[in-house]
N, C-alpha and C. Protein backbone atom coordinates (compact mmCIF):
# COMPACT_ATOMS: atom_id res chain seq x y z
N MET A 1 -33.22 10.76 -43.84
CA MET A 1 -34.49 9.85 -43.56
C MET A 1 -35.62 10.42 -44.49
N GLU A 2 -36.28 9.41 -45.17
CA GLU A 2 -37.08 9.59 -46.29
C GLU A 2 -38.64 9.57 -46.00
N ASN A 3 -39.04 8.57 -45.04
CA ASN A 3 -40.42 8.44 -44.77
C ASN A 3 -40.83 8.02 -43.35
N ALA A 4 -42.17 8.07 -43.13
CA ALA A 4 -42.54 7.73 -41.72
C ALA A 4 -42.30 6.31 -41.40
N LEU A 5 -42.36 5.31 -42.31
CA LEU A 5 -42.02 3.91 -42.04
C LEU A 5 -40.64 3.73 -41.49
N GLN A 6 -39.63 4.40 -42.11
CA GLN A 6 -38.27 4.29 -41.60
C GLN A 6 -38.23 4.98 -40.25
N ALA A 7 -38.82 6.13 -40.08
CA ALA A 7 -38.86 6.92 -38.90
C ALA A 7 -39.40 6.03 -37.75
N ASN A 8 -40.59 5.35 -37.94
CA ASN A 8 -41.14 4.51 -36.85
C ASN A 8 -40.33 3.37 -36.50
N LEU A 9 -39.53 2.85 -37.36
CA LEU A 9 -38.68 1.79 -37.02
C LEU A 9 -37.40 2.38 -36.10
N LEU A 10 -36.97 3.57 -36.61
CA LEU A 10 -35.77 4.02 -35.90
C LEU A 10 -36.00 4.71 -34.66
N ILE A 11 -37.30 4.90 -34.19
CA ILE A 11 -37.47 5.43 -32.95
C ILE A 11 -37.75 4.23 -31.92
N ASP A 12 -37.74 3.05 -32.41
CA ASP A 12 -37.89 1.90 -31.57
C ASP A 12 -36.53 1.27 -31.36
N ARG A 13 -36.04 1.45 -30.10
CA ARG A 13 -34.75 0.96 -29.67
C ARG A 13 -34.51 -0.44 -30.05
N SER A 14 -35.49 -1.37 -30.04
CA SER A 14 -35.36 -2.69 -30.17
C SER A 14 -34.90 -2.83 -31.79
N TRP A 15 -35.56 -2.20 -32.63
CA TRP A 15 -35.31 -2.22 -34.10
C TRP A 15 -33.95 -1.62 -34.33
N VAL A 16 -33.61 -0.56 -33.63
CA VAL A 16 -32.30 0.09 -33.85
C VAL A 16 -31.08 -0.91 -33.47
N ARG A 17 -31.32 -1.66 -32.34
CA ARG A 17 -30.28 -2.62 -31.86
C ARG A 17 -30.21 -3.69 -33.02
N LEU A 18 -31.25 -4.16 -33.56
CA LEU A 18 -31.13 -5.19 -34.74
C LEU A 18 -30.34 -4.55 -35.80
N LEU A 19 -30.72 -3.44 -36.16
CA LEU A 19 -30.00 -2.65 -37.34
C LEU A 19 -28.58 -2.51 -37.01
N GLY A 20 -28.25 -2.15 -35.80
CA GLY A 20 -26.83 -2.03 -35.28
C GLY A 20 -25.89 -3.15 -35.61
N ALA A 21 -26.54 -4.33 -35.51
CA ALA A 21 -25.69 -5.53 -35.68
C ALA A 21 -25.16 -5.55 -37.11
N PHE A 22 -25.82 -4.76 -38.05
CA PHE A 22 -25.31 -4.88 -39.44
C PHE A 22 -24.66 -3.58 -39.85
N MET A 23 -24.24 -2.71 -38.90
CA MET A 23 -23.53 -1.36 -39.27
C MET A 23 -22.12 -1.51 -39.51
N ALA A 24 -21.33 -2.25 -38.61
CA ALA A 24 -19.90 -2.24 -38.69
C ALA A 24 -19.46 -2.98 -39.99
N GLU A 25 -20.21 -4.01 -40.44
CA GLU A 25 -19.73 -4.76 -41.52
C GLU A 25 -20.98 -5.58 -42.06
N ALA A 26 -20.79 -6.07 -43.25
CA ALA A 26 -21.83 -6.87 -43.99
C ALA A 26 -21.88 -8.21 -43.25
N ARG A 27 -23.13 -8.61 -42.78
CA ARG A 27 -23.14 -9.99 -42.12
C ARG A 27 -24.33 -10.81 -42.63
N SER A 28 -24.18 -12.15 -42.41
CA SER A 28 -25.24 -12.99 -42.70
C SER A 28 -26.24 -13.00 -41.64
N ILE A 29 -27.43 -13.51 -41.90
CA ILE A 29 -28.46 -13.44 -40.77
C ILE A 29 -27.98 -14.43 -39.56
N ALA A 30 -27.36 -15.52 -40.09
CA ALA A 30 -26.92 -16.59 -39.04
C ALA A 30 -25.85 -15.84 -38.05
N ASP A 31 -24.89 -15.09 -38.69
CA ASP A 31 -23.90 -14.53 -38.01
C ASP A 31 -24.43 -13.47 -37.02
N ALA A 32 -25.39 -12.54 -37.38
CA ALA A 32 -25.92 -11.55 -36.71
C ALA A 32 -26.78 -12.22 -35.56
N ALA A 33 -27.48 -13.31 -35.87
CA ALA A 33 -28.26 -13.96 -34.80
C ALA A 33 -27.51 -14.55 -33.71
N ARG A 34 -26.29 -15.07 -34.03
CA ARG A 34 -25.39 -15.40 -32.85
C ARG A 34 -24.95 -14.28 -32.05
N THR A 35 -24.70 -13.07 -32.61
CA THR A 35 -24.28 -11.96 -31.92
C THR A 35 -25.48 -11.53 -30.93
N LEU A 36 -26.71 -11.47 -31.60
CA LEU A 36 -27.79 -11.01 -30.79
C LEU A 36 -28.51 -12.03 -29.85
N ASN A 37 -27.93 -13.19 -29.94
CA ASN A 37 -28.45 -14.35 -29.09
C ASN A 37 -29.95 -14.50 -29.35
N VAL A 38 -30.25 -14.59 -30.73
CA VAL A 38 -31.62 -14.99 -31.15
C VAL A 38 -31.51 -16.10 -32.20
N THR A 39 -32.69 -16.71 -32.56
CA THR A 39 -32.62 -17.67 -33.65
C THR A 39 -32.70 -16.98 -34.95
N THR A 40 -32.10 -17.77 -35.96
CA THR A 40 -32.11 -17.28 -37.30
C THR A 40 -33.54 -17.02 -37.77
N GLU A 41 -34.41 -18.00 -37.44
CA GLU A 41 -35.81 -17.86 -37.86
C GLU A 41 -36.43 -16.52 -37.25
N TRP A 42 -36.24 -16.26 -36.15
CA TRP A 42 -36.80 -15.02 -35.50
C TRP A 42 -36.27 -13.86 -36.19
N LEU A 43 -35.07 -13.77 -36.48
CA LEU A 43 -34.22 -12.68 -37.09
C LEU A 43 -34.60 -12.47 -38.56
N PHE A 44 -34.87 -13.59 -39.24
CA PHE A 44 -35.12 -13.53 -40.65
C PHE A 44 -36.26 -12.52 -41.07
N SER A 45 -37.45 -12.73 -40.40
CA SER A 45 -38.50 -11.87 -40.70
C SER A 45 -38.16 -10.44 -40.47
N ARG A 46 -37.56 -10.15 -39.37
CA ARG A 46 -37.18 -8.72 -39.15
C ARG A 46 -36.21 -8.09 -40.02
N VAL A 47 -35.17 -9.02 -40.50
CA VAL A 47 -34.35 -8.54 -41.50
C VAL A 47 -34.98 -8.12 -42.77
N ARG A 48 -35.89 -8.95 -43.19
CA ARG A 48 -36.77 -8.67 -44.42
C ARG A 48 -37.51 -7.39 -44.22
N ARG A 49 -38.01 -7.02 -43.06
CA ARG A 49 -38.83 -5.89 -42.82
C ARG A 49 -37.93 -4.64 -42.83
N LEU A 50 -36.73 -4.73 -42.27
CA LEU A 50 -35.71 -3.72 -42.44
C LEU A 50 -35.36 -3.47 -43.88
N GLU A 51 -35.23 -4.50 -44.57
CA GLU A 51 -34.87 -4.48 -46.08
C GLU A 51 -35.81 -3.81 -46.86
N ARG A 52 -37.10 -4.19 -46.57
CA ARG A 52 -38.22 -3.57 -47.30
C ARG A 52 -38.27 -2.02 -47.02
N ALA A 53 -37.92 -1.58 -45.79
CA ALA A 53 -37.99 -0.28 -45.41
C ALA A 53 -36.86 0.50 -45.93
N GLY A 54 -35.96 -0.17 -46.59
CA GLY A 54 -34.68 0.60 -47.17
C GLY A 54 -33.55 0.85 -46.07
N LEU A 55 -33.80 0.31 -45.06
CA LEU A 55 -32.60 0.42 -43.94
C LEU A 55 -31.55 -0.65 -44.03
N LEU A 56 -31.73 -1.77 -44.66
CA LEU A 56 -30.80 -2.83 -44.95
C LEU A 56 -30.71 -3.08 -46.43
N VAL A 57 -29.55 -3.49 -46.87
CA VAL A 57 -29.33 -3.89 -48.23
C VAL A 57 -28.56 -5.05 -48.24
N VAL A 58 -28.68 -5.70 -49.36
CA VAL A 58 -27.81 -6.88 -49.53
C VAL A 58 -26.50 -6.47 -50.15
N GLN A 59 -25.44 -6.50 -49.46
CA GLN A 59 -24.10 -5.94 -49.94
C GLN A 59 -23.38 -7.10 -50.72
N ASP A 60 -23.57 -8.39 -50.39
CA ASP A 60 -22.81 -9.47 -51.20
C ASP A 60 -23.70 -10.63 -51.08
N ILE A 61 -23.34 -11.59 -51.92
CA ILE A 61 -23.95 -12.98 -51.95
C ILE A 61 -22.84 -14.01 -52.09
N ARG A 62 -22.70 -14.79 -51.15
CA ARG A 62 -21.64 -15.89 -51.23
C ARG A 62 -22.18 -17.19 -51.64
N PRO A 63 -21.67 -17.71 -52.66
CA PRO A 63 -22.21 -19.02 -53.15
C PRO A 63 -21.84 -20.21 -52.15
N ARG A 64 -22.73 -21.09 -51.96
CA ARG A 64 -22.36 -22.26 -51.28
C ARG A 64 -23.38 -23.48 -51.68
N ALA A 65 -23.11 -24.67 -51.25
CA ALA A 65 -23.93 -25.67 -51.66
C ALA A 65 -25.34 -25.58 -51.17
N GLY A 66 -26.34 -25.52 -51.92
CA GLY A 66 -27.68 -25.25 -51.42
C GLY A 66 -27.94 -23.75 -51.75
N ARG A 67 -28.51 -23.08 -50.77
CA ARG A 67 -28.88 -21.65 -50.88
C ARG A 67 -27.72 -20.81 -50.72
N ALA A 68 -27.60 -19.75 -51.47
CA ALA A 68 -26.30 -18.86 -51.29
C ALA A 68 -26.59 -18.02 -50.07
N VAL A 69 -25.53 -17.66 -49.43
CA VAL A 69 -25.71 -16.69 -48.23
C VAL A 69 -25.61 -15.21 -48.60
N ARG A 70 -26.66 -14.44 -48.15
CA ARG A 70 -26.68 -13.12 -48.37
C ARG A 70 -26.22 -12.38 -47.20
N LEU A 71 -25.33 -11.39 -47.54
CA LEU A 71 -24.68 -10.53 -46.37
C LEU A 71 -25.28 -9.13 -46.42
N TYR A 72 -25.71 -8.76 -45.32
CA TYR A 72 -26.73 -7.60 -45.36
C TYR A 72 -25.77 -6.42 -44.48
N ARG A 73 -26.03 -5.24 -44.97
CA ARG A 73 -25.52 -4.15 -44.22
C ARG A 73 -26.36 -2.98 -44.16
N ALA A 74 -26.34 -2.26 -43.03
CA ALA A 74 -27.27 -1.04 -42.82
C ALA A 74 -26.78 -0.12 -43.85
N THR A 75 -27.79 0.72 -44.40
CA THR A 75 -27.58 1.65 -45.42
C THR A 75 -26.81 2.92 -44.75
N SER A 76 -26.51 3.08 -43.55
CA SER A 76 -25.82 4.07 -42.94
C SER A 76 -25.52 3.61 -41.49
N ASN A 77 -24.44 4.33 -40.96
CA ASN A 77 -24.04 4.07 -39.55
C ASN A 77 -24.76 5.06 -38.61
N GLU A 78 -25.47 5.98 -39.07
CA GLU A 78 -26.34 6.80 -38.28
C GLU A 78 -27.42 7.44 -39.12
N TYR A 79 -28.52 7.76 -38.46
CA TYR A 79 -29.71 8.30 -39.15
C TYR A 79 -30.17 9.51 -38.40
N PHE A 80 -30.57 10.50 -39.20
CA PHE A 80 -31.23 11.72 -38.59
C PHE A 80 -32.74 11.62 -38.91
N VAL A 81 -33.50 11.66 -37.69
CA VAL A 81 -35.01 11.53 -37.97
C VAL A 81 -35.52 12.89 -37.50
N PRO A 82 -36.07 13.64 -38.45
CA PRO A 82 -36.62 14.98 -37.99
C PRO A 82 -37.96 14.90 -37.34
N PHE A 83 -38.13 15.87 -36.45
CA PHE A 83 -39.43 15.89 -35.61
C PHE A 83 -40.67 16.10 -36.51
N SER A 84 -40.34 16.49 -37.80
CA SER A 84 -41.55 16.66 -38.72
C SER A 84 -42.08 15.28 -39.00
N LEU A 85 -41.29 14.27 -39.03
CA LEU A 85 -41.74 12.88 -39.21
C LEU A 85 -42.32 12.31 -37.88
N VAL A 86 -41.49 12.42 -36.78
CA VAL A 86 -41.91 11.82 -35.63
C VAL A 86 -41.91 12.92 -34.45
N PRO A 87 -42.89 13.25 -33.86
CA PRO A 87 -42.93 14.37 -32.83
C PRO A 87 -42.02 13.78 -31.66
N PRO A 88 -41.39 14.73 -30.96
CA PRO A 88 -40.45 14.30 -29.84
C PRO A 88 -41.20 13.60 -28.70
N ASP A 89 -42.44 14.04 -28.41
CA ASP A 89 -43.02 13.36 -27.34
C ASP A 89 -43.33 11.83 -27.69
N GLN A 90 -43.44 11.55 -28.98
CA GLN A 90 -43.74 10.14 -29.43
C GLN A 90 -42.51 9.31 -29.31
N VAL A 91 -41.31 9.88 -29.70
CA VAL A 91 -40.16 9.26 -29.57
C VAL A 91 -39.88 8.77 -28.14
N GLY A 92 -39.97 9.62 -27.25
CA GLY A 92 -39.76 9.31 -25.75
C GLY A 92 -40.69 8.48 -25.17
N ARG A 93 -41.99 8.65 -25.40
CA ARG A 93 -43.05 7.83 -24.92
C ARG A 93 -43.01 6.30 -25.37
N GLN A 94 -42.66 6.21 -26.55
CA GLN A 94 -42.66 4.70 -27.07
C GLN A 94 -41.47 4.02 -26.49
N ASN A 95 -40.34 4.67 -26.49
CA ASN A 95 -39.09 3.97 -25.86
C ASN A 95 -39.31 3.67 -24.50
N ARG A 96 -39.83 4.70 -23.71
CA ARG A 96 -39.83 4.58 -22.39
C ARG A 96 -40.76 3.47 -21.89
N ALA A 97 -41.95 3.41 -22.60
CA ALA A 97 -42.97 2.48 -22.42
C ALA A 97 -42.53 1.01 -22.56
N ARG A 98 -41.91 0.73 -23.70
CA ARG A 98 -41.31 -0.54 -23.96
C ARG A 98 -40.32 -1.02 -22.99
N HIS A 99 -39.35 -0.06 -22.75
CA HIS A 99 -38.31 -0.43 -21.81
C HIS A 99 -38.60 -0.62 -20.32
N LEU A 100 -39.72 0.24 -20.06
CA LEU A 100 -40.22 0.11 -18.65
C LEU A 100 -40.90 -1.25 -18.42
N GLU A 101 -41.57 -1.77 -19.47
CA GLU A 101 -42.07 -3.14 -19.31
C GLU A 101 -40.96 -4.21 -19.08
N ARG A 102 -39.83 -4.09 -19.80
CA ARG A 102 -38.70 -4.94 -19.67
C ARG A 102 -38.25 -4.73 -18.26
N PHE A 103 -37.99 -3.54 -17.74
CA PHE A 103 -37.45 -3.31 -16.56
C PHE A 103 -38.26 -3.78 -15.35
N GLU A 104 -39.62 -3.66 -15.50
CA GLU A 104 -40.57 -4.28 -14.56
C GLU A 104 -40.39 -5.76 -14.38
N ALA A 105 -40.25 -6.43 -15.63
CA ALA A 105 -40.15 -7.79 -15.55
C ALA A 105 -38.79 -8.21 -14.90
N ALA A 106 -37.74 -7.50 -15.17
CA ALA A 106 -36.44 -7.72 -14.54
C ALA A 106 -36.52 -7.56 -13.15
N ILE A 107 -37.20 -6.49 -12.67
CA ILE A 107 -37.26 -6.29 -11.24
C ILE A 107 -38.09 -7.34 -10.52
N GLN A 108 -39.11 -7.79 -11.24
CA GLN A 108 -39.98 -8.89 -10.67
C GLN A 108 -39.17 -10.20 -10.53
N ARG A 109 -38.38 -10.42 -11.42
CA ARG A 109 -37.40 -11.63 -11.39
C ARG A 109 -36.53 -11.59 -10.11
N THR A 110 -36.00 -10.28 -9.88
CA THR A 110 -35.09 -10.09 -8.78
C THR A 110 -35.89 -10.38 -7.42
N PHE A 111 -37.10 -9.95 -7.42
CA PHE A 111 -37.88 -10.22 -6.05
C PHE A 111 -38.23 -11.66 -5.92
N SER A 112 -38.05 -12.39 -7.04
CA SER A 112 -38.41 -13.82 -6.93
C SER A 112 -37.29 -14.66 -6.65
N ASN A 113 -36.12 -14.12 -6.46
CA ASN A 113 -34.94 -14.79 -6.12
C ASN A 113 -34.38 -14.50 -4.85
N PRO A 114 -33.48 -15.20 -4.16
CA PRO A 114 -32.96 -15.03 -2.82
C PRO A 114 -32.08 -13.65 -2.99
N PRO A 115 -32.18 -12.91 -1.85
CA PRO A 115 -32.80 -13.27 -0.56
C PRO A 115 -34.08 -12.69 -0.27
N LEU A 116 -34.57 -11.89 -1.41
CA LEU A 116 -35.82 -11.21 -1.23
C LEU A 116 -37.09 -12.08 -1.45
N ASP A 117 -36.84 -13.33 -1.78
CA ASP A 117 -38.11 -14.11 -2.01
C ASP A 117 -38.44 -14.74 -0.63
N THR A 118 -37.68 -14.62 0.31
CA THR A 118 -37.90 -15.31 1.72
C THR A 118 -38.81 -14.42 2.56
N GLN A 119 -39.44 -15.03 3.57
CA GLN A 119 -40.25 -14.33 4.43
C GLN A 119 -39.55 -13.29 5.15
N GLY A 120 -40.25 -12.21 5.61
CA GLY A 120 -39.67 -11.18 6.46
C GLY A 120 -39.20 -9.99 5.72
N TRP A 121 -39.34 -10.04 4.30
CA TRP A 121 -38.91 -8.73 3.52
C TRP A 121 -39.96 -8.01 3.16
N GLY A 122 -39.89 -6.72 3.00
CA GLY A 122 -40.95 -5.84 2.56
C GLY A 122 -40.35 -4.42 2.19
N PHE A 123 -41.11 -3.45 2.42
CA PHE A 123 -40.55 -2.16 2.16
C PHE A 123 -41.20 -1.16 3.38
N VAL A 124 -40.38 -0.18 3.56
CA VAL A 124 -40.73 0.72 4.55
C VAL A 124 -40.85 2.21 3.94
N THR A 125 -41.72 2.97 4.28
CA THR A 125 -41.86 4.33 3.76
C THR A 125 -41.14 5.27 4.67
N ALA A 126 -40.45 6.25 4.00
CA ALA A 126 -39.62 7.14 4.78
C ALA A 126 -39.69 8.66 4.17
N ARG A 127 -39.33 9.53 4.94
CA ARG A 127 -39.45 11.01 4.42
C ARG A 127 -37.97 11.44 4.33
N SER A 128 -37.77 11.98 3.05
CA SER A 128 -36.43 12.59 2.88
C SER A 128 -36.40 14.05 3.51
N LYS A 129 -35.15 14.53 3.50
CA LYS A 129 -34.92 15.91 4.08
C LYS A 129 -35.71 17.02 3.45
N ASN A 130 -35.93 16.75 2.10
CA ASN A 130 -36.75 17.85 1.40
C ASN A 130 -38.35 17.60 1.41
N GLY A 131 -38.67 16.60 2.23
CA GLY A 131 -40.14 16.44 2.44
C GLY A 131 -40.72 15.33 1.52
N ASP A 132 -40.00 14.85 0.56
CA ASP A 132 -40.42 13.85 -0.33
C ASP A 132 -40.59 12.55 0.30
N MET A 133 -41.53 11.63 0.05
CA MET A 133 -41.62 10.40 0.58
C MET A 133 -40.90 9.35 -0.45
N TYR A 134 -40.31 8.49 0.13
CA TYR A 134 -39.66 7.34 -0.67
C TYR A 134 -39.78 6.01 0.06
N PHE A 135 -39.33 4.92 -0.86
CA PHE A 135 -39.49 3.52 -0.31
C PHE A 135 -38.18 2.93 -0.14
N ARG A 136 -38.00 2.04 0.92
CA ARG A 136 -36.80 1.35 1.14
C ARG A 136 -37.17 -0.16 1.41
N ILE A 137 -36.35 -0.96 0.63
CA ILE A 137 -36.65 -2.38 0.75
C ILE A 137 -35.85 -2.92 2.12
N MET A 138 -36.60 -3.48 3.00
CA MET A 138 -36.05 -3.74 4.19
C MET A 138 -36.65 -5.04 4.84
N SER A 139 -35.73 -5.75 5.76
CA SER A 139 -36.41 -6.96 6.41
C SER A 139 -37.03 -6.38 7.79
N GLU A 140 -37.79 -7.42 8.31
CA GLU A 140 -38.56 -6.99 9.53
C GLU A 140 -37.47 -6.70 10.66
N GLU A 141 -36.24 -7.18 10.58
CA GLU A 141 -35.23 -6.90 11.47
C GLU A 141 -34.61 -5.61 11.28
N GLY A 142 -35.00 -4.85 10.25
CA GLY A 142 -34.48 -3.58 9.94
C GLY A 142 -33.18 -3.67 9.10
N VAL A 143 -32.93 -4.71 8.53
CA VAL A 143 -31.74 -4.88 7.58
C VAL A 143 -32.14 -4.34 6.13
N LEU A 144 -31.43 -3.34 5.65
CA LEU A 144 -31.65 -2.84 4.30
C LEU A 144 -31.03 -3.79 3.21
N TRP A 145 -31.65 -4.07 2.18
CA TRP A 145 -31.25 -5.04 1.19
C TRP A 145 -29.88 -4.50 0.62
N ALA A 146 -29.69 -3.19 0.66
CA ALA A 146 -28.32 -2.66 0.04
C ALA A 146 -27.29 -2.94 0.98
N ASP A 147 -27.56 -3.30 2.30
CA ASP A 147 -26.49 -3.53 3.23
C ASP A 147 -26.12 -5.09 3.26
N LEU A 148 -26.65 -5.78 2.36
CA LEU A 148 -26.29 -7.33 2.28
C LEU A 148 -25.09 -7.62 1.63
N GLY A 149 -24.44 -6.55 1.10
CA GLY A 149 -23.11 -6.89 0.40
C GLY A 149 -23.24 -7.52 -0.90
N GLU A 150 -22.35 -8.54 -1.08
CA GLU A 150 -22.35 -9.45 -2.29
C GLU A 150 -23.71 -10.12 -2.35
N ALA A 151 -24.40 -10.41 -1.26
CA ALA A 151 -25.70 -11.12 -1.37
C ALA A 151 -26.79 -10.23 -1.90
N ALA A 152 -26.62 -8.94 -1.93
CA ALA A 152 -27.81 -8.07 -2.47
C ALA A 152 -27.82 -8.07 -3.91
N PRO A 153 -28.98 -8.06 -4.42
CA PRO A 153 -29.22 -7.95 -5.93
C PRO A 153 -28.70 -6.61 -6.49
N VAL A 154 -28.34 -6.61 -7.68
CA VAL A 154 -27.82 -5.44 -8.34
C VAL A 154 -29.04 -4.79 -8.95
N MET A 155 -29.45 -3.71 -8.35
CA MET A 155 -30.66 -3.09 -9.05
C MET A 155 -30.80 -1.64 -8.30
N VAL A 156 -31.28 -0.71 -9.02
CA VAL A 156 -31.67 0.73 -8.59
C VAL A 156 -33.01 0.99 -9.08
N SER A 157 -33.90 1.24 -8.21
CA SER A 157 -35.26 1.57 -8.69
C SER A 157 -35.89 2.63 -7.87
N GLY A 158 -36.54 3.60 -8.46
CA GLY A 158 -37.14 4.59 -7.65
C GLY A 158 -37.30 5.92 -8.44
N TRP A 159 -38.36 6.70 -8.13
CA TRP A 159 -38.51 8.06 -8.71
C TRP A 159 -38.34 8.96 -7.41
N HIS A 160 -37.58 10.08 -7.70
CA HIS A 160 -37.35 10.96 -6.46
C HIS A 160 -37.54 12.46 -7.10
N LEU A 161 -38.27 13.11 -6.15
CA LEU A 161 -38.60 14.46 -6.43
C LEU A 161 -37.55 15.38 -5.79
N LEU A 162 -36.69 15.97 -6.65
CA LEU A 162 -35.52 16.90 -6.21
C LEU A 162 -35.93 18.20 -6.23
N HIS A 163 -35.46 19.04 -5.48
CA HIS A 163 -35.62 20.46 -5.49
C HIS A 163 -34.14 21.20 -5.72
N LEU A 164 -33.90 21.59 -6.91
CA LEU A 164 -32.57 22.06 -7.31
C LEU A 164 -32.56 23.31 -7.84
N SER A 165 -31.41 24.04 -7.59
CA SER A 165 -31.20 25.31 -8.35
C SER A 165 -30.82 24.94 -9.72
N PRO A 166 -31.01 25.90 -10.72
CA PRO A 166 -30.66 25.64 -12.04
C PRO A 166 -29.21 25.18 -12.24
N LYS A 167 -28.25 25.68 -11.42
CA LYS A 167 -26.93 25.34 -11.48
C LYS A 167 -26.70 23.92 -10.98
N ASP A 168 -27.39 23.58 -9.92
CA ASP A 168 -27.34 22.11 -9.51
C ASP A 168 -27.92 21.11 -10.49
N ALA A 169 -29.04 21.62 -10.99
CA ALA A 169 -29.65 20.69 -12.13
C ALA A 169 -28.74 20.48 -13.27
N ARG A 170 -27.99 21.41 -13.66
CA ARG A 170 -27.06 21.31 -14.77
C ARG A 170 -25.87 20.45 -14.42
N ALA A 171 -25.51 20.58 -13.09
CA ALA A 171 -24.42 19.69 -12.67
C ALA A 171 -24.81 18.32 -12.59
N LEU A 172 -25.96 18.17 -12.06
CA LEU A 172 -26.60 16.69 -12.04
C LEU A 172 -26.64 16.08 -13.52
N GLN A 173 -27.11 16.89 -14.34
CA GLN A 173 -27.29 16.42 -15.78
C GLN A 173 -26.00 15.93 -16.36
N GLY A 174 -24.90 16.70 -16.04
CA GLY A 174 -23.52 16.43 -16.64
C GLY A 174 -22.98 15.18 -16.01
N GLU A 175 -23.30 15.05 -14.58
CA GLU A 175 -22.71 13.83 -13.89
C GLU A 175 -23.47 12.49 -14.25
N LEU A 176 -24.85 12.64 -14.65
CA LEU A 176 -25.41 11.53 -15.05
C LEU A 176 -24.94 11.04 -16.49
N ARG A 177 -24.83 12.01 -17.35
CA ARG A 177 -24.23 11.75 -18.70
C ARG A 177 -22.91 11.11 -18.58
N ALA A 178 -22.02 11.67 -17.84
CA ALA A 178 -20.63 11.10 -17.59
C ALA A 178 -20.60 9.73 -17.13
N LEU A 179 -21.46 9.44 -16.17
CA LEU A 179 -21.69 8.05 -15.55
C LEU A 179 -22.13 7.09 -16.54
N HIS A 180 -23.03 7.52 -17.38
CA HIS A 180 -23.49 6.67 -18.50
C HIS A 180 -22.49 6.47 -19.52
N GLN A 181 -21.73 7.36 -19.93
CA GLN A 181 -20.64 7.30 -20.93
C GLN A 181 -19.52 6.30 -20.29
N ARG A 182 -19.27 6.42 -18.96
CA ARG A 182 -18.18 5.69 -18.40
C ARG A 182 -18.39 4.15 -18.50
N TYR A 183 -19.67 3.75 -18.51
CA TYR A 183 -20.04 2.27 -18.43
C TYR A 183 -20.45 1.86 -19.68
N MET A 184 -20.69 2.65 -20.69
CA MET A 184 -21.12 2.24 -21.99
C MET A 184 -19.99 1.55 -22.72
N THR A 185 -18.81 1.71 -22.34
CA THR A 185 -17.53 1.04 -22.98
C THR A 185 -17.21 -0.33 -22.33
N CYS A 186 -17.96 -0.73 -21.31
CA CYS A 186 -17.70 -2.00 -20.60
C CYS A 186 -18.21 -3.10 -21.49
N SER A 187 -17.46 -4.28 -21.30
CA SER A 187 -17.94 -5.40 -22.16
C SER A 187 -18.09 -6.60 -21.22
N GLY A 188 -19.12 -6.56 -20.35
CA GLY A 188 -19.15 -7.64 -19.43
C GLY A 188 -20.08 -8.78 -20.14
N GLU A 189 -20.41 -9.84 -19.28
CA GLU A 189 -21.21 -11.00 -19.76
C GLU A 189 -22.61 -10.99 -19.43
N VAL A 190 -22.93 -10.09 -18.53
CA VAL A 190 -24.33 -9.92 -17.98
C VAL A 190 -24.97 -8.57 -18.41
N PRO A 191 -26.17 -8.69 -19.11
CA PRO A 191 -26.85 -7.47 -19.60
C PRO A 191 -27.62 -6.81 -18.43
N PHE A 192 -27.45 -5.57 -18.44
CA PHE A 192 -28.26 -4.78 -17.29
C PHE A 192 -28.92 -3.68 -18.11
N LEU A 193 -30.21 -3.39 -17.70
CA LEU A 193 -31.02 -2.44 -18.32
C LEU A 193 -30.92 -1.04 -17.43
N LEU A 194 -30.40 -0.04 -17.98
CA LEU A 194 -30.26 1.25 -17.33
C LEU A 194 -31.17 2.38 -17.92
N GLY A 195 -31.86 3.04 -16.93
CA GLY A 195 -32.50 4.14 -17.37
C GLY A 195 -32.27 5.34 -16.59
N ILE A 196 -32.20 6.50 -17.34
CA ILE A 196 -31.67 7.77 -16.67
C ILE A 196 -32.73 8.80 -17.01
N PHE A 197 -33.40 9.33 -16.08
CA PHE A 197 -34.50 10.33 -16.22
C PHE A 197 -34.23 11.53 -15.35
N LEU A 198 -34.37 12.68 -15.99
CA LEU A 198 -34.23 13.91 -15.19
C LEU A 198 -35.09 15.00 -16.09
N ALA A 199 -35.99 15.53 -15.48
CA ALA A 199 -36.70 16.67 -16.17
C ALA A 199 -37.20 17.68 -15.33
N ASP A 200 -37.42 18.90 -15.77
CA ASP A 200 -37.96 19.98 -15.04
C ASP A 200 -39.46 19.71 -14.89
N SER A 201 -40.02 19.53 -13.73
CA SER A 201 -41.41 18.98 -13.49
C SER A 201 -42.29 20.03 -12.86
N SER A 202 -41.81 21.38 -13.13
CA SER A 202 -42.64 22.52 -12.74
C SER A 202 -44.01 22.52 -13.49
N ASN A 203 -45.04 22.63 -12.71
CA ASN A 203 -46.36 22.73 -13.15
C ASN A 203 -46.93 21.36 -13.84
N VAL A 204 -46.23 20.29 -13.48
CA VAL A 204 -46.63 18.98 -14.18
C VAL A 204 -47.70 18.44 -13.17
N ALA A 205 -48.81 18.13 -13.78
CA ALA A 205 -50.03 17.54 -12.98
C ALA A 205 -49.63 16.27 -12.12
N GLY A 206 -50.00 16.24 -11.01
CA GLY A 206 -49.72 15.18 -10.06
C GLY A 206 -48.52 15.39 -9.01
N LEU A 207 -47.92 16.60 -9.35
CA LEU A 207 -46.83 16.86 -8.54
C LEU A 207 -47.07 18.26 -7.80
N GLU A 208 -48.35 18.52 -7.50
CA GLU A 208 -48.77 19.79 -6.93
C GLU A 208 -48.46 19.92 -5.46
N HIS A 209 -48.00 18.76 -4.77
CA HIS A 209 -47.89 18.97 -3.32
C HIS A 209 -46.59 19.81 -2.99
N GLU A 210 -46.66 20.50 -2.00
CA GLU A 210 -45.74 21.42 -1.57
C GLU A 210 -44.38 20.74 -1.03
N ARG A 211 -43.25 21.39 -1.07
CA ARG A 211 -42.10 20.90 -0.41
C ARG A 211 -42.29 20.85 1.10
N GLY A 212 -41.89 19.84 1.76
CA GLY A 212 -42.10 19.69 3.16
C GLY A 212 -41.15 20.57 3.89
N GLY A 213 -41.50 21.05 5.08
CA GLY A 213 -40.68 21.88 5.84
C GLY A 213 -39.79 21.10 6.81
């Protein structure tokens, strides 16, 4: 990694995904656009930016009637970005903020579709065994959305305050990583946005309340 311009592109997962379309092999913009499900016009300007940043290069030019076709390839299959160029808090904050916006939009769409768009649905507050409060989506009749079976939307949303021993925290970390790795290799037709968060929140402002008895 040579400069801050490259680093700022590489900490943005949206730009990294675009770059990833050119890592396995040299591809034309039209070919990559079909894979990414975007227009060639939309992708063209972004390819030029990645090229100017030195992250994409023209590997080959194929002649054809009219304008020749340029084949682009990423300059590497992986990049190391030192914290001296981009502080770790900036990396996490930028990625989480942008994907949280997308996640909220996806959740909003879920609540705008059946069955949750009908009258009688809402949420109930409840208290967990460790004293933390959480929300559950439920109908007025007491039916949980998760109990709707195939009619239930596929989503998981919520922040939970856990009280774990160091050993249990390590175990949970390993299970979450393993679960993520397990489904990374799947190739279905429907895209899902998954976020995994776990951090030691000792002395974090806003979480000063005591554990319930």
